[in-house]
Amino acid sequence: MELGAFSISLAVKDIEASRSFYEKFGFKVFAGDASKNWLILKNGDHAIGLFQGMFEKNILTFNPGWDSNAQKLASFPDVRDLQRQLKAQGVQLLQQADESTTGPASFFAVDPDGNSILVDQHV
């Protein structure tokens, strides 16, 4: 199952303190707006999202249709197809993509240990 680009979305208390901390590890701002409380930082192909006040826990994030630089892939499995495959395997989804639509959509699951997983297609 090809899930697209991967990042960890971190729920942070102070976006500027977090940005400064991760910059020491070689991460650089790639996208986002600190004044709106979100930034995406990259170090090579590794991406970390910093989100202040947007959610309570960290989230594993997959983006079908994107490569590691948020560039659209020529072909990719649609988020609704991934959703159908997971549901067929018995995975319970807390939020589902509307399967009657096309384009951007997302679904949300939680693993057995309570870790949040977001599959979020932007294209």
PDB file of N, CA and C in Angstrom:
ATOM      1  N   MET A   1       0.851  -1.171   0.000  1.00  0.00           N
ATOM      2  CA  MET A   1       0.000   0.000   0.000  1.00  0.00           C
ATOM      3  C   MET A   1       0.898   1.235   0.000  1.00  0.00           C
ATOM      4  N   GLU A   2       0.787   2.046  -1.027  1.00  0.00           N
ATOM      5  CA  GLU A   2       1.578   3.270  -1.145  1.00  0.00           C
ATOM      6  C   GLU A   2       0.810   4.416  -0.510  1.00  0.00           C
ATOM      7  N   LEU A   3       1.358   4.991   0.566  1.00  0.00           N
ATOM      8  CA  LEU A   3       0.667   6.024   1.332  1.00  0.00           C
ATOM      9  C   LEU A   3       1.138   7.440   1.009  1.00  0.00           C
ATOM     10  N   GLY A   4       2.171   7.597   0.201  1.00  0.00           N
ATOM     11  CA  GLY A   4       2.663   8.925  -0.142  1.00  0.00           C
ATOM     12  C   GLY A   4       3.690   9.433   0.846  1.00  0.00           C
ATOM     13  N   ALA A   5       3.879  10.730   0.845  1.00  0.00           N
ATOM     14  CA  ALA A   5       4.880  11.368   1.709  1.00  0.00           C
ATOM     15  C   ALA A   5       4.520  11.145   3.178  1.00  0.00           C
ATOM     16  N   PHE A   6       5.546  11.006   4.020  1.00  0.00           N
ATOM     17  CA  PHE A   6       5.350  10.791   5.450  1.00  0.00           C
ATOM     18  C   PHE A   6       5.951  11.938   6.246  1.00  0.00           C
ATOM     19  N   SER A   7       5.256  12.333   7.287  1.00  0.00           N
ATOM     20  CA  SER A   7       5.797  13.296   8.248  1.00  0.00           C
ATOM     21  C   SER A   7       5.174  13.014   9.606  1.00  0.00           C
ATOM     22  N   ILE A   8       5.786  13.557  10.611  1.00  0.00           N
ATOM     23  CA  ILE A   8       5.213  13.514  11.949  1.00  0.00           C
ATOM     24  C   ILE A   8       4.714  14.922  12.243  1.00  0.00           C
ATOM     25  N   SER A   9       3.482  15.028  12.663  1.00  0.00           N
ATOM     26  CA  SER A   9       2.894  16.317  13.015  1.00  0.00           C
ATOM     27  C   SER A   9       2.934  16.431  14.532  1.00  0.00           C
ATOM     28  N   LEU A  10       3.713  17.376  15.022  1.00  0.00           N
ATOM     29  CA  LEU A  10       3.928  17.522  16.456  1.00  0.00           C
ATOM     30  C   LEU A  10       3.050  18.618  17.044  1.00  0.00           C
ATOM     31  N   ALA A  11       2.348  18.283  18.103  1.00  0.00           N
ATOM     32  CA  ALA A  11       1.583  19.274  18.865  1.00  0.00           C
ATOM     33  C   ALA A  11       2.580  19.957  19.793  1.00  0.00           C
ATOM     34  N   VAL A  12       2.886  21.229  19.522  1.00  0.00           N
ATOM     35  CA  VAL A  12       3.908  21.936  20.291  1.00  0.00           C
ATOM     36  C   VAL A  12       3.283  23.040  21.141  1.00  0.00           C
ATOM     37  N   LYS A  13       3.971  23.377  22.228  1.00  0.00           N
ATOM     38  CA  LYS A  13       3.497  24.431  23.129  1.00  0.00           C
ATOM     39  C   LYS A  13       3.970  25.812  22.694  1.00  0.00           C
ATOM     40  N   ASP A  14       5.168  25.881  22.104  1.00  0.00           N
ATOM     41  CA  ASP A  14       5.763  27.150  21.697  1.00  0.00           C
ATOM     42  C   ASP A  14       6.447  26.926  20.353  1.00  0.00           C
ATOM     43  N   ILE A  15       5.808  27.374  19.277  1.00  0.00           N
ATOM     44  CA  ILE A  15       6.300  27.072  17.934  1.00  0.00           C
ATOM     45  C   ILE A  15       7.698  27.629  17.691  1.00  0.00           C
ATOM     46  N   GLU A  16       8.009  28.797  18.224  1.00  0.00           N
ATOM     47  CA  GLU A  16       9.333  29.370  18.010  1.00  0.00           C
ATOM     48  C   GLU A  16      10.411  28.588  18.763  1.00  0.00           C
ATOM     49  N   ALA A  17      10.106  28.151  19.982  1.00  0.00           N
ATOM     50  CA  ALA A  17      11.062  27.334  20.737  1.00  0.00           C
ATOM     51  C   ALA A  17      11.288  26.001  20.030  1.00  0.00           C
ATOM     52  N   SER A  18      10.213  25.414  19.492  1.00  0.00           N
ATOM     53  CA  SER A  18      10.333  24.137  18.785  1.00  0.00           C
ATOM     54  C   SER A  18      11.106  24.306  17.486  1.00  0.00           C
ATOM     55  N   ARG A  19      10.834  25.390  16.751  1.00  0.00           N
ATOM     56  CA  ARG A  19      11.573  25.637  15.517  1.00  0.00           C
ATOM     57  C   ARG A  19      13.071  25.757  15.823  1.00  0.00           C
ATOM     58  N   SER A  20      13.412  26.550  16.812  1.00  0.00           N
ATOM     59  CA  SER A  20      14.813  26.743  17.193  1.00  0.00           C
ATOM     60  C   SER A  20      15.460  25.415  17.579  1.00  0.00           C
ATOM     61  N   PHE A  21      14.756  24.601  18.337  1.00  0.00           N
ATOM     62  CA  PHE A  21      15.281  23.302  18.763  1.00  0.00           C
ATOM     63  C   PHE A  21      15.575  22.415  17.554  1.00  0.00           C
ATOM     64  N   TYR A  22      14.602  22.254  16.638  1.00  0.00           N
ATOM     65  CA  TYR A  22      14.794  21.355  15.499  1.00  0.00           C
ATOM     66  C   TYR A  22      15.781  21.905  14.476  1.00  0.00           C
ATOM     67  N   GLU A  23      15.945  23.214  14.420  1.00  0.00           N
ATOM     68  CA  GLU A  23      16.976  23.772  13.546  1.00  0.00           C
ATOM     69  C   GLU A  23      18.364  23.341  13.991  1.00  0.00           C
ATOM     70  N   LYS A  24      18.558  23.101  15.282  1.00  0.00           N
ATOM     71  CA  LYS A  24      19.844  22.614  15.785  1.00  0.00           C
ATOM     72  C   LYS A  24      20.151  21.205  15.279  1.00  0.00           C
ATOM     73  N   PHE A  25      19.111  20.471  14.878  1.00  0.00           N
ATOM     74  CA  PHE A  25      19.285  19.133  14.310  1.00  0.00           C
ATOM     75  C   PHE A  25      19.415  19.196  12.786  1.00  0.00           C
ATOM     76  N   GLY A  26      19.465  20.383  12.226  1.00  0.00           N
ATOM     77  CA  GLY A  26      19.641  20.540  10.796  1.00  0.00           C
ATOM     78  C   GLY A  26      18.353  20.722  10.008  1.00  0.00           C
ATOM     79  N   PHE A  27      17.206  20.815  10.680  1.00  0.00           N
ATOM     80  CA  PHE A  27      15.948  21.044   9.979  1.00  0.00           C
ATOM     81  C   PHE A  27      15.853  22.510   9.583  1.00  0.00           C
ATOM     82  N   LYS A  28      15.218  22.759   8.420  1.00  0.00           N
ATOM     83  CA  LYS A  28      14.993  24.111   7.937  1.00  0.00           C
ATOM     84  C   LYS A  28      13.517  24.262   7.576  1.00  0.00           C
ATOM     85  N   VAL A  29      13.002  25.471   7.763  1.00  0.00           N
ATOM     86  CA  VAL A  29      11.590  25.717   7.433  1.00  0.00           C
ATOM     87  C   VAL A  29      11.388  25.483   5.941  1.00  0.00           C
ATOM     88  N   PHE A  30      10.380  24.696   5.617  1.00  0.00           N
ATOM     89  CA  PHE A  30      10.050  24.316   4.250  1.00  0.00           C
ATOM     90  C   PHE A  30       8.738  24.967   3.811  1.00  0.00           C
ATOM     91  N   ALA A  31       7.801  25.084   4.741  1.00  0.00           N
ATOM     92  CA  ALA A  31       6.479  25.642   4.425  1.00  0.00           C
ATOM     93  C   ALA A  31       5.820  26.072   5.725  1.00  0.00           C
ATOM     94  N   GLY A  32       4.711  26.770   5.576  1.00  0.00           N
ATOM     95  CA  GLY A  32       3.936  27.146   6.742  1.00  0.00           C
ATOM     96  C   GLY A  32       4.016  28.611   7.075  1.00  0.00           C
ATOM     97  N   ASP A  33       3.413  28.958   8.212  1.00  0.00           N
ATOM     98  CA  ASP A  33       3.340  30.346   8.652  1.00  0.00           C
ATOM     99  C   ASP A  33       3.317  30.347  10.181  1.00  0.00           C
ATOM    100  N   ALA A  34       4.417  30.734  10.789  1.00  0.00           N
ATOM    101  CA  ALA A  34       4.511  30.740  12.251  1.00  0.00           C
ATOM    102  C   ALA A  34       3.451  31.646  12.873  1.00  0.00           C
ATOM    103  N   SER A  35       3.061  32.728  12.189  1.00  0.00           N
ATOM    104  CA  SER A  35       2.037  33.624  12.736  1.00  0.00           C
ATOM    105  C   SER A  35       0.667  32.953  12.781  1.00  0.00           C
ATOM    106  N   LYS A  36       0.514  31.863  12.018  1.00  0.00           N
ATOM    107  CA  LYS A  36      -0.728  31.082  12.043  1.00  0.00           C
ATOM    108  C   LYS A  36      -0.536  29.771  12.803  1.00  0.00           C
ATOM    109  N   ASN A  37       0.592  29.674  13.512  1.00  0.00           N
ATOM    110  CA  ASN A  37       0.896  28.562  14.415  1.00  0.00           C
ATOM    111  C   ASN A  37       1.154  27.221  13.727  1.00  0.00           C
ATOM    112  N   TRP A  38       1.709  27.246  12.520  1.00  0.00           N
ATOM    113  CA  TRP A  38       2.138  25.989  11.906  1.00  0.00           C
ATOM    114  C   TRP A  38       3.327  26.210  10.987  1.00  0.00           C
ATOM    115  N   LEU A  39       4.241  25.239  11.029  1.00  0.00           N
ATOM    116  CA  LEU A  39       5.426  25.226  10.174  1.00  0.00           C
ATOM    117  C   LEU A  39       5.729  23.791   9.779  1.00  0.00           C
ATOM    118  N   ILE A  40       6.279  23.612   8.592  1.00  0.00           N
ATOM    119  CA  ILE A  40       6.810  22.315   8.170  1.00  0.00           C
ATOM    120  C   ILE A  40       8.310  22.504   8.023  1.00  0.00           C
ATOM    121  N   LEU A  41       9.086  21.665   8.687  1.00  0.00           N
ATOM    122  CA  LEU A  41      10.541  21.708   8.620  1.00  0.00           C
ATOM    123  C   LEU A  41      11.038  20.441   7.938  1.00  0.00           C
ATOM    124  N   LYS A  42      12.129  20.581   7.191  1.00  0.00           N
ATOM    125  CA  LYS A  42      12.715  19.424   6.511  1.00  0.00           C
ATOM    126  C   LYS A  42      14.201  19.340   6.780  1.00  0.00           C
ATOM    127  N   ASN A  43      14.677  18.106   6.789  1.00  0.00           N
ATOM    128  CA  ASN A  43      16.097  17.789   6.821  1.00  0.00           C
ATOM    129  C   ASN A  43      16.243  16.638   5.833  1.00  0.00           C
ATOM    130  N   GLY A  44      16.718  16.926   4.628  1.00  0.00           N
ATOM    131  CA  GLY A  44      16.741  15.904   3.577  1.00  0.00           C
ATOM    132  C   GLY A  44      15.308  15.521   3.239  1.00  0.00           C
ATOM    133  N   ASP A  45      15.020  14.232   3.254  1.00  0.00           N
ATOM    134  CA  ASP A  45      13.665  13.756   2.967  1.00  0.00           C
ATOM    135  C   ASP A  45      12.796  13.680   4.220  1.00  0.00           C
ATOM    136  N   HIS A  46      13.340  14.023   5.367  1.00  0.00           N
ATOM    137  CA  HIS A  46      12.602  13.923   6.629  1.00  0.00           C
ATOM    138  C   HIS A  46      11.836  15.209   6.901  1.00  0.00           C
ATOM    139  N   ALA A  47      10.562  15.069   7.247  1.00  0.00           N
ATOM    140  CA  ALA A  47       9.722  16.243   7.490  1.00  0.00           C
ATOM    141  C   ALA A  47       9.072  16.155   8.862  1.00  0.00           C
ATOM    142  N   ILE A  48       9.011  17.311   9.513  1.00  0.00           N
ATOM    143  CA  ILE A  48       8.350  17.456  10.807  1.00  0.00           C
ATOM    144  C   ILE A  48       7.411  18.657  10.682  1.00  0.00           C
ATOM    145  N   GLY A  49       6.157  18.460  11.065  1.00  0.00           N
ATOM    146  CA  GLY A  49       5.219  19.568  11.137  1.00  0.00           C
ATOM    147  C   GLY A  49       5.120  20.030  12.582  1.00  0.00           C
ATOM    148  N   LEU A  50       5.191  21.330  12.794  1.00  0.00           N
ATOM    149  CA  LEU A  50       5.018  21.913  14.123  1.00  0.00           C
ATOM    150  C   LEU A  50       3.678  22.639  14.134  1.00  0.00           C
ATOM    151  N   PHE A  51       2.801  22.268  15.067  1.00  0.00           N
ATOM    152  CA  PHE A  51       1.461  22.828  15.125  1.00  0.00           C
ATOM    153  C   PHE A  51       1.160  23.241  16.564  1.00  0.00           C
ATOM    154  N   GLN A  52       1.027  24.520  16.776  1.00  0.00           N
ATOM    155  CA  GLN A  52       0.770  25.043  18.115  1.00  0.00           C
ATOM    156  C   GLN A  52      -0.730  25.288  18.289  1.00  0.00           C
ATOM    157  N   GLY A  53      -1.325  24.613  19.281  1.00  0.00           N
ATOM    158  CA  GLY A  53      -2.728  24.832  19.611  1.00  0.00           C
ATOM    159  C   GLY A  53      -3.729  24.260  18.635  1.00  0.00           C
ATOM    160  N   MET A  54      -3.321  23.379  17.747  1.00  0.00           N
ATOM    161  CA  MET A  54      -4.239  22.843  16.742  1.00  0.00           C
ATOM    162  C   MET A  54      -4.780  21.463  17.091  1.00  0.00           C
ATOM    163  N   PHE A  55      -4.019  20.681  17.836  1.00  0.00           N
ATOM    164  CA  PHE A  55      -4.475  19.363  18.281  1.00  0.00           C
ATOM    165  C   PHE A  55      -3.700  18.986  19.522  1.00  0.00           C
ATOM    166  N   GLU A  56      -4.211  17.963  20.231  1.00  0.00           N
ATOM    167  CA  GLU A  56      -3.643  17.619  21.532  1.00  0.00           C
ATOM    168  C   GLU A  56      -2.448  16.679  21.473  1.00  0.00           C
ATOM    169  N   LYS A  57      -2.453  15.763  20.511  1.00  0.00           N
ATOM    170  CA  LYS A  57      -1.413  14.734  20.467  1.00  0.00           C
ATOM    171  C   LYS A  57      -0.686  14.775  19.133  1.00  0.00           C
ATOM    172  N   ASN A  58       0.480  14.169  19.101  1.00  0.00           N
ATOM    173  CA  ASN A  58       1.245  14.033  17.863  1.00  0.00           C
ATOM    174  C   ASN A  58       0.497  13.112  16.898  1.00  0.00           C
ATOM    175  N   ILE A  59       0.706  13.323  15.608  1.00  0.00           N
ATOM    176  CA  ILE A  59       0.001  12.557  14.584  1.00  0.00           C
ATOM    177  C   ILE A  59       0.993  12.080  13.526  1.00  0.00           C
ATOM    178  N   LEU A  60       0.904  10.802  13.164  1.00  0.00           N
ATOM    179  CA  LEU A  60       1.618  10.284  11.997  1.00  0.00           C
ATOM    180  C   LEU A  60       0.813  10.708  10.776  1.00  0.00           C
ATOM    181  N   THR A  61       1.451  11.369   9.823  1.00  0.00           N
ATOM    182  CA  THR A  61       0.729  11.917   8.679  1.00  0.00           C
ATOM    183  C   THR A  61       1.283  11.345   7.382  1.00  0.00           C
ATOM    184  N   PHE A  62       0.374  10.892   6.523  1.00  0.00           N
ATOM    185  CA  PHE A  62       0.717  10.398   5.189  1.00  0.00           C
ATOM    186  C   PHE A  62      -0.044  11.234   4.175  1.00  0.00           C
ATOM    187  N   ASN A  63       0.623  11.585   3.074  1.00  0.00           N
ATOM    188  CA  ASN A  63       0.009  12.420   2.040  1.00  0.00           C
ATOM    189  C   ASN A  63       0.054  11.721   0.689  1.00  0.00           C
ATOM    190  N   PRO A  64      -0.992  10.953   0.353  1.00  0.00           N
ATOM    191  CA  PRO A  64      -1.052  10.348  -0.979  1.00  0.00           C
ATOM    192  C   PRO A  64      -0.996  11.436  -2.052  1.00  0.00           C
ATOM    193  N   GLY A  65      -0.262  11.157  -3.113  1.00  0.00           N
ATOM    194  CA  GLY A  65      -0.176  12.095  -4.221  1.00  0.00           C
ATOM    195  C   GLY A  65       0.988  13.048  -4.150  1.00  0.00           C
ATOM    196  N   TRP A  66       1.711  13.036  -3.036  1.00  0.00           N
ATOM    197  CA  TRP A  66       2.869  13.918  -2.880  1.00  0.00           C
ATOM    198  C   TRP A  66       4.146  13.114  -2.727  1.00  0.00           C
ATOM    199  N   ASP A  67       5.248  13.667  -3.270  1.00  0.00           N
ATOM    200  CA  ASP A  67       6.563  13.132  -2.945  1.00  0.00           C
ATOM    201  C   ASP A  67       7.057  13.841  -1.684  1.00  0.00           C
ATOM    202  N   SER A  68       8.278  13.593  -1.280  1.00  0.00           N
ATOM    203  CA  SER A  68       8.783  14.148  -0.019  1.00  0.00           C
ATOM    204  C   SER A  68       8.991  15.663  -0.061  1.00  0.00           C
ATOM    205  N   ASN A  69       8.863  16.264  -1.257  1.00  0.00           N
ATOM    206  CA  ASN A  69       8.962  17.725  -1.379  1.00  0.00           C
ATOM    207  C   ASN A  69       7.609  18.373  -1.655  1.00  0.00           C
ATOM    208  N   ALA A  70       6.537  17.650  -1.351  1.00  0.00           N
ATOM    209  CA  ALA A  70       5.164  18.136  -1.541  1.00  0.00           C
ATOM    210  C   ALA A  70       4.869  18.452  -3.007  1.00  0.00           C
ATOM    211  N   GLN A  71       5.514  17.714  -3.912  1.00  0.00           N
ATOM    212  CA  GLN A  71       5.255  17.852  -5.343  1.00  0.00           C
ATOM    213  C   GLN A  71       4.318  16.727  -5.770  1.00  0.00           C
ATOM    214  N   LYS A  72       3.363  17.059  -6.613  1.00  0.00           N
ATOM    215  CA  LYS A  72       2.371  16.084  -7.053  1.00  0.00           C
ATOM    216  C   LYS A  72       3.030  14.957  -7.846  1.00  0.00           C
ATOM    217  N   LEU A  73       2.662  13.728  -7.507  1.00  0.00           N
ATOM    218  CA  LEU A  73       3.135  12.556  -8.238  1.00  0.00           C
ATOM    219  C   LEU A  73       2.297  12.360  -9.496  1.00  0.00           C
ATOM    220  N   ALA A  74       2.900  11.783 -10.533  1.00  0.00           N
ATOM    221  CA  ALA A  74       2.192  11.540 -11.794  1.00  0.00           C
ATOM    222  C   ALA A  74       1.039  10.563 -11.591  1.00  0.00           C
ATOM    223  N   SER A  75       1.255   9.547 -10.757  1.00  0.00           N
ATOM    224  CA  SER A  75       0.184   8.587 -10.457  1.00  0.00           C
ATOM    225  C   SER A  75       0.319   8.165  -9.000  1.00  0.00           C
ATOM    226  N   PHE A  76      -0.811   7.888  -8.392  1.00  0.00           N
ATOM    227  CA  PHE A  76      -0.835   7.509  -6.981  1.00  0.00           C
ATOM    228  C   PHE A  76      -2.211   6.926  -6.659  1.00  0.00           C
ATOM    229  N   PRO A  77      -2.285   6.081  -5.632  1.00  0.00           N
ATOM    230  CA  PRO A  77      -3.589   5.570  -5.210  1.00  0.00           C
ATOM    231  C   PRO A  77      -4.378   6.673  -4.500  1.00  0.00           C
ATOM    232  N   ASP A  78      -5.625   6.841  -4.872  1.00  0.00           N
ATOM    233  CA  ASP A  78      -6.483   7.847  -4.263  1.00  0.00           C
ATOM    234  C   ASP A  78      -6.771   7.484  -2.805  1.00  0.00           C
ATOM    235  N   VAL A  79      -6.917   8.500  -1.983  1.00  0.00           N
ATOM    236  CA  VAL A  79      -7.169   8.309  -0.552  1.00  0.00           C
ATOM    237  C   VAL A  79      -8.413   7.448  -0.318  1.00  0.00           C
ATOM    238  N   ARG A  80      -9.423   7.566  -1.186  1.00  0.00           N
ATOM    239  CA  ARG A  80     -10.643   6.764  -1.015  1.00  0.00           C
ATOM    240  C   ARG A  80     -10.377   5.287  -1.290  1.00  0.00           C
ATOM    241  N   ASP A  81      -9.461   4.983  -2.240  1.00  0.00           N
ATOM    242  CA  ASP A  81      -9.081   3.590  -2.490  1.00  0.00           C
ATOM    243  C   ASP A  81      -8.331   3.022  -1.286  1.00  0.00           C
ATOM    244  N   LEU A  82      -7.423   3.810  -0.709  1.00  0.00           N
ATOM    245  CA  LEU A  82      -6.702   3.369   0.487  1.00  0.00           C
ATOM    246  C   LEU A  82      -7.682   3.121   1.633  1.00  0.00           C
ATOM    247  N   GLN A  83      -8.635   4.017   1.778  1.00  0.00           N
ATOM    248  CA  GLN A  83      -9.651   3.875   2.815  1.00  0.00           C
ATOM    249  C   GLN A  83     -10.431   2.573   2.649  1.00  0.00           C
ATOM    250  N   ARG A  84     -10.868   2.275   1.416  1.00  0.00           N
ATOM    251  CA  ARG A  84     -11.619   1.043   1.163  1.00  0.00           C
ATOM    252  C   ARG A  84     -10.777  -0.189   1.498  1.00  0.00           C
ATOM    253  N   GLN A  85      -9.480  -0.165   1.120  1.00  0.00           N
ATOM    254  CA  GLN A  85      -8.608  -1.299   1.425  1.00  0.00           C
ATOM    255  C   GLN A  85      -8.486  -1.529   2.927  1.00  0.00           C
ATOM    256  N   LEU A  86      -8.296  -0.458   3.669  1.00  0.00           N
ATOM    257  CA  LEU A  86      -8.149  -0.591   5.122  1.00  0.00           C
ATOM    258  C   LEU A  86      -9.444  -1.046   5.775  1.00  0.00           C
ATOM    259  N   LYS A  87     -10.560  -0.501   5.344  1.00  0.00           N
ATOM    260  CA  LYS A  87     -11.848  -0.919   5.899  1.00  0.00           C
ATOM    261  C   LYS A  87     -12.103  -2.403   5.612  1.00  0.00           C
ATOM    262  N   ALA A  88     -11.719  -2.860   4.423  1.00  0.00           N
ATOM    263  CA  ALA A  88     -11.892  -4.268   4.058  1.00  0.00           C
ATOM    264  C   ALA A  88     -11.056  -5.183   4.954  1.00  0.00           C
ATOM    265  N   GLN A  89      -9.976  -4.638   5.517  1.00  0.00           N
ATOM    266  CA  GLN A  89      -9.127  -5.412   6.426  1.00  0.00           C
ATOM    267  C   GLN A  89      -9.553  -5.254   7.884  1.00  0.00           C
ATOM    268  N   GLY A  90     -10.653  -4.564   8.111  1.00  0.00           N
ATOM    269  CA  GLY A  90     -11.169  -4.425   9.461  1.00  0.00           C
ATOM    270  C   GLY A  90     -10.648  -3.247  10.255  1.00  0.00           C
ATOM    271  N   VAL A  91      -9.922  -2.334   9.609  1.00  0.00           N
ATOM    272  CA  VAL A  91      -9.429  -1.148  10.313  1.00  0.00           C
ATOM    273  C   VAL A  91     -10.596  -0.193  10.538  1.00  0.00           C
ATOM    274  N   GLN A  92     -10.783   0.209  11.785  1.00  0.00           N
ATOM    275  CA  GLN A  92     -11.836   1.165  12.102  1.00  0.00           C
ATOM    276  C   GLN A  92     -11.310   2.583  11.913  1.00  0.00           C
ATOM    277  N   LEU A  93     -12.082   3.379  11.212  1.00  0.00           N
ATOM    278  CA  LEU A  93     -11.701   4.758  10.943  1.00  0.00           C
ATOM    279  C   LEU A  93     -12.580   5.691  11.764  1.00  0.00           C
ATOM    280  N   LEU A  94     -11.955   6.666  12.412  1.00  0.00           N
ATOM    281  CA  LEU A  94     -12.694   7.621  13.225  1.00  0.00           C
ATOM    282  C   LEU A  94     -13.315   8.725  12.380  1.00  0.00           C
ATOM    283  N   GLN A  95     -12.677   9.022  11.268  1.00  0.00           N
ATOM    284  CA  GLN A  95     -13.176  10.004  10.303  1.00  0.00           C
ATOM    285  C   GLN A  95     -12.913   9.411   8.936  1.00  0.00           C
ATOM    286  N   GLN A  96     -13.873   9.553   8.022  1.00  0.00           N
ATOM    287  CA  GLN A  96     -13.721   8.971   6.706  1.00  0.00           C
ATOM    288  C   GLN A  96     -13.846  10.010   5.611  1.00  0.00           C
ATOM    289  N   ALA A  97     -13.157   9.731   4.497  1.00  0.00           N
ATOM    290  CA  ALA A  97     -13.302  10.544   3.292  1.00  0.00           C
ATOM    291  C   ALA A  97     -14.641  10.195   2.651  1.00  0.00           C
ATOM    292  N   ASP A  98     -15.295  11.191   2.094  1.00  0.00           N
ATOM    293  CA  ASP A  98     -16.543  10.978   1.366  1.00  0.00           C
ATOM    294  C   ASP A  98     -16.196  10.275   0.054  1.00  0.00           C
ATOM    295  N   GLU A  99     -16.650   9.044  -0.090  1.00  0.00           N
ATOM    296  CA  GLU A  99     -16.274   8.247  -1.260  1.00  0.00           C
ATOM    297  C   GLU A  99     -17.009   8.658  -2.528  1.00  0.00           C
ATOM    298  N   SER A 100     -17.946   9.596  -2.421  1.00  0.00           N
ATOM    299  CA  SER A 100     -18.637  10.076  -3.618  1.00  0.00           C
ATOM    300  C   SER A 100     -17.931  11.283  -4.239  1.00  0.00           C
ATOM    301  N   THR A 101     -16.814  11.710  -3.628  1.00  0.00           N
ATOM    302  CA  THR A 101     -16.092  12.877  -4.116  1.00  0.00           C
ATOM    303  C   THR A 101     -14.785  12.465  -4.792  1.00  0.00           C
ATOM    304  N   THR A 102     -14.108  13.448  -5.369  1.00  0.00           N
ATOM    305  CA  THR A 102     -12.768  13.261  -5.927  1.00  0.00           C
ATOM    306  C   THR A 102     -11.894  14.388  -5.407  1.00  0.00           C
ATOM    307  N   GLY A 103     -10.575  14.258  -5.596  1.00  0.00           N
ATOM    308  CA  GLY A 103      -9.653  15.306  -5.179  1.00  0.00           C
ATOM    309  C   GLY A 103      -9.308  15.235  -3.707  1.00  0.00           C
ATOM    310  N   PRO A 104      -8.983  16.380  -3.118  1.00  0.00           N
ATOM    311  CA  PRO A 104      -8.541  16.401  -1.723  1.00  0.00           C
ATOM    312  C   PRO A 104      -9.563  15.773  -0.766  1.00  0.00           C
ATOM    313  N   ALA A 105      -9.037  14.976   0.151  1.00  0.00           N
ATOM    314  CA  ALA A 105      -9.863  14.326   1.176  1.00  0.00           C
ATOM    315  C   ALA A 105      -8.926  13.663   2.177  1.00  0.00           C
ATOM    316  N   SER A 106      -9.490  13.234   3.292  1.00  0.00           N
ATOM    317  CA  SER A 106      -8.656  12.591   4.308  1.00  0.00           C
ATOM    318  C   SER A 106      -9.466  11.598   5.119  1.00  0.00           C
ATOM    319  N   PHE A 107      -8.738  10.711   5.802  1.00  0.00           N
ATOM    320  CA  PHE A 107      -9.353   9.857   6.812  1.00  0.00           C
ATOM    321  C   PHE A 107      -8.409   9.743   7.987  1.00  0.00           C
ATOM    322  N   PHE A 108      -8.960   9.306   9.102  1.00  0.00           N
ATOM    323  CA  PHE A 108      -8.247   9.336  10.376  1.00  0.00           C
ATOM    324  C   PHE A 108      -8.484   8.030  11.118  1.00  0.00           C
ATOM    325  N   ALA A 109      -7.410   7.455  11.649  1.00  0.00           N
ATOM    326  CA  ALA A 109      -7.490   6.224  12.429  1.00  0.00           C
ATOM    327  C   ALA A 109      -6.611   6.359  13.665  1.00  0.00           C
ATOM    328  N   VAL A 110      -6.792   5.446  14.600  1.00  0.00           N
ATOM    329  CA  VAL A 110      -5.963   5.380  15.797  1.00  0.00           C
ATOM    330  C   VAL A 110      -5.473   3.951  15.929  1.00  0.00           C
ATOM    331  N   ASP A 111      -4.155   3.765  16.140  1.00  0.00           N
ATOM    332  CA  ASP A 111      -3.607   2.415  16.270  1.00  0.00           C
ATOM    333  C   ASP A 111      -3.931   1.844  17.660  1.00  0.00           C
ATOM    334  N   PRO A 112      -3.629   0.563  17.891  1.00  0.00           N
ATOM    335  CA  PRO A 112      -3.979  -0.072  19.169  1.00  0.00           C
ATOM    336  C   PRO A 112      -3.361   0.598  20.395  1.00  0.00           C
ATOM    337  N   ASP A 113      -2.307   1.397  20.201  1.00  0.00           N
ATOM    338  CA  ASP A 113      -1.665   2.072  21.332  1.00  0.00           C
ATOM    339  C   ASP A 113      -2.103   3.529  21.480  1.00  0.00           C
ATOM    340  N   GLY A 114      -3.087   3.936  20.691  1.00  0.00           N
ATOM    341  CA  GLY A 114      -3.612   5.289  20.811  1.00  0.00           C
ATOM    342  C   GLY A 114      -2.914   6.325  19.953  1.00  0.00           C
ATOM    343  N   ASN A 115      -2.016   5.899  19.056  1.00  0.00           N
ATOM    344  CA  ASN A 115      -1.331   6.835  18.169  1.00  0.00           C
ATOM    345  C   ASN A 115      -2.252   7.224  17.010  1.00  0.00           C
ATOM    346  N   SER A 116      -2.360   8.504  16.750  1.00  0.00           N
ATOM    347  CA  SER A 116      -3.219   9.007  15.691  1.00  0.00           C
ATOM    348  C   SER A 116      -2.530   8.890  14.333  1.00  0.00           C
ATOM    349  N   ILE A 117      -3.313   8.501  13.323  1.00  0.00           N
ATOM    350  CA  ILE A 117      -2.817   8.372  11.956  1.00  0.00           C
ATOM    351  C   ILE A 117      -3.759   9.135  11.032  1.00  0.00           C
ATOM    352  N   LEU A 118      -3.202  10.096  10.311  1.00  0.00           N
ATOM    353  CA  LEU A 118      -3.960  10.905   9.361  1.00  0.00           C
ATOM    354  C   LEU A 118      -3.459  10.601   7.961  1.00  0.00           C
ATOM    355  N   VAL A 119      -4.360  10.224   7.065  1.00  0.00           N
ATOM    356  CA  VAL A 119      -4.035  10.070   5.650  1.00  0.00           C
ATOM    357  C   VAL A 119      -4.755  11.219   4.953  1.00  0.00           C
ATOM    358  N   ASP A 120      -3.969  12.172   4.464  1.00  0.00           N
ATOM    359  CA  ASP A 120      -4.477  13.477   4.040  1.00  0.00           C
ATOM    360  C   ASP A 120      -4.003  13.798   2.634  1.00  0.00           C
ATOM    361  N   GLN A 121      -4.903  13.651   1.672  1.00  0.00           N
ATOM    362  CA  GLN A 121      -4.584  13.897   0.262  1.00  0.00           C
ATOM    363  C   GLN A 121      -4.925  15.334  -0.086  1.00  0.00           C
ATOM    364  N   HIS A 122      -3.939  16.084  -0.577  1.00  0.00           N
ATOM    365  CA  HIS A 122      -4.129  17.493  -0.918  1.00  0.00           C
ATOM    366  C   HIS A 122      -4.369  17.727  -2.406  1.00  0.00           C
ATOM    367  N   VAL A 123      -4.219  16.713  -3.239  1.00  0.00           N
ATOM    368  CA  VAL A 123      -4.368  16.881  -4.685  1.00  0.00           C
ATOM    369  C   VAL A 123      -5.522  16.068  -5.213  1.00  0.00           C
TER     370      VAL A 123
END
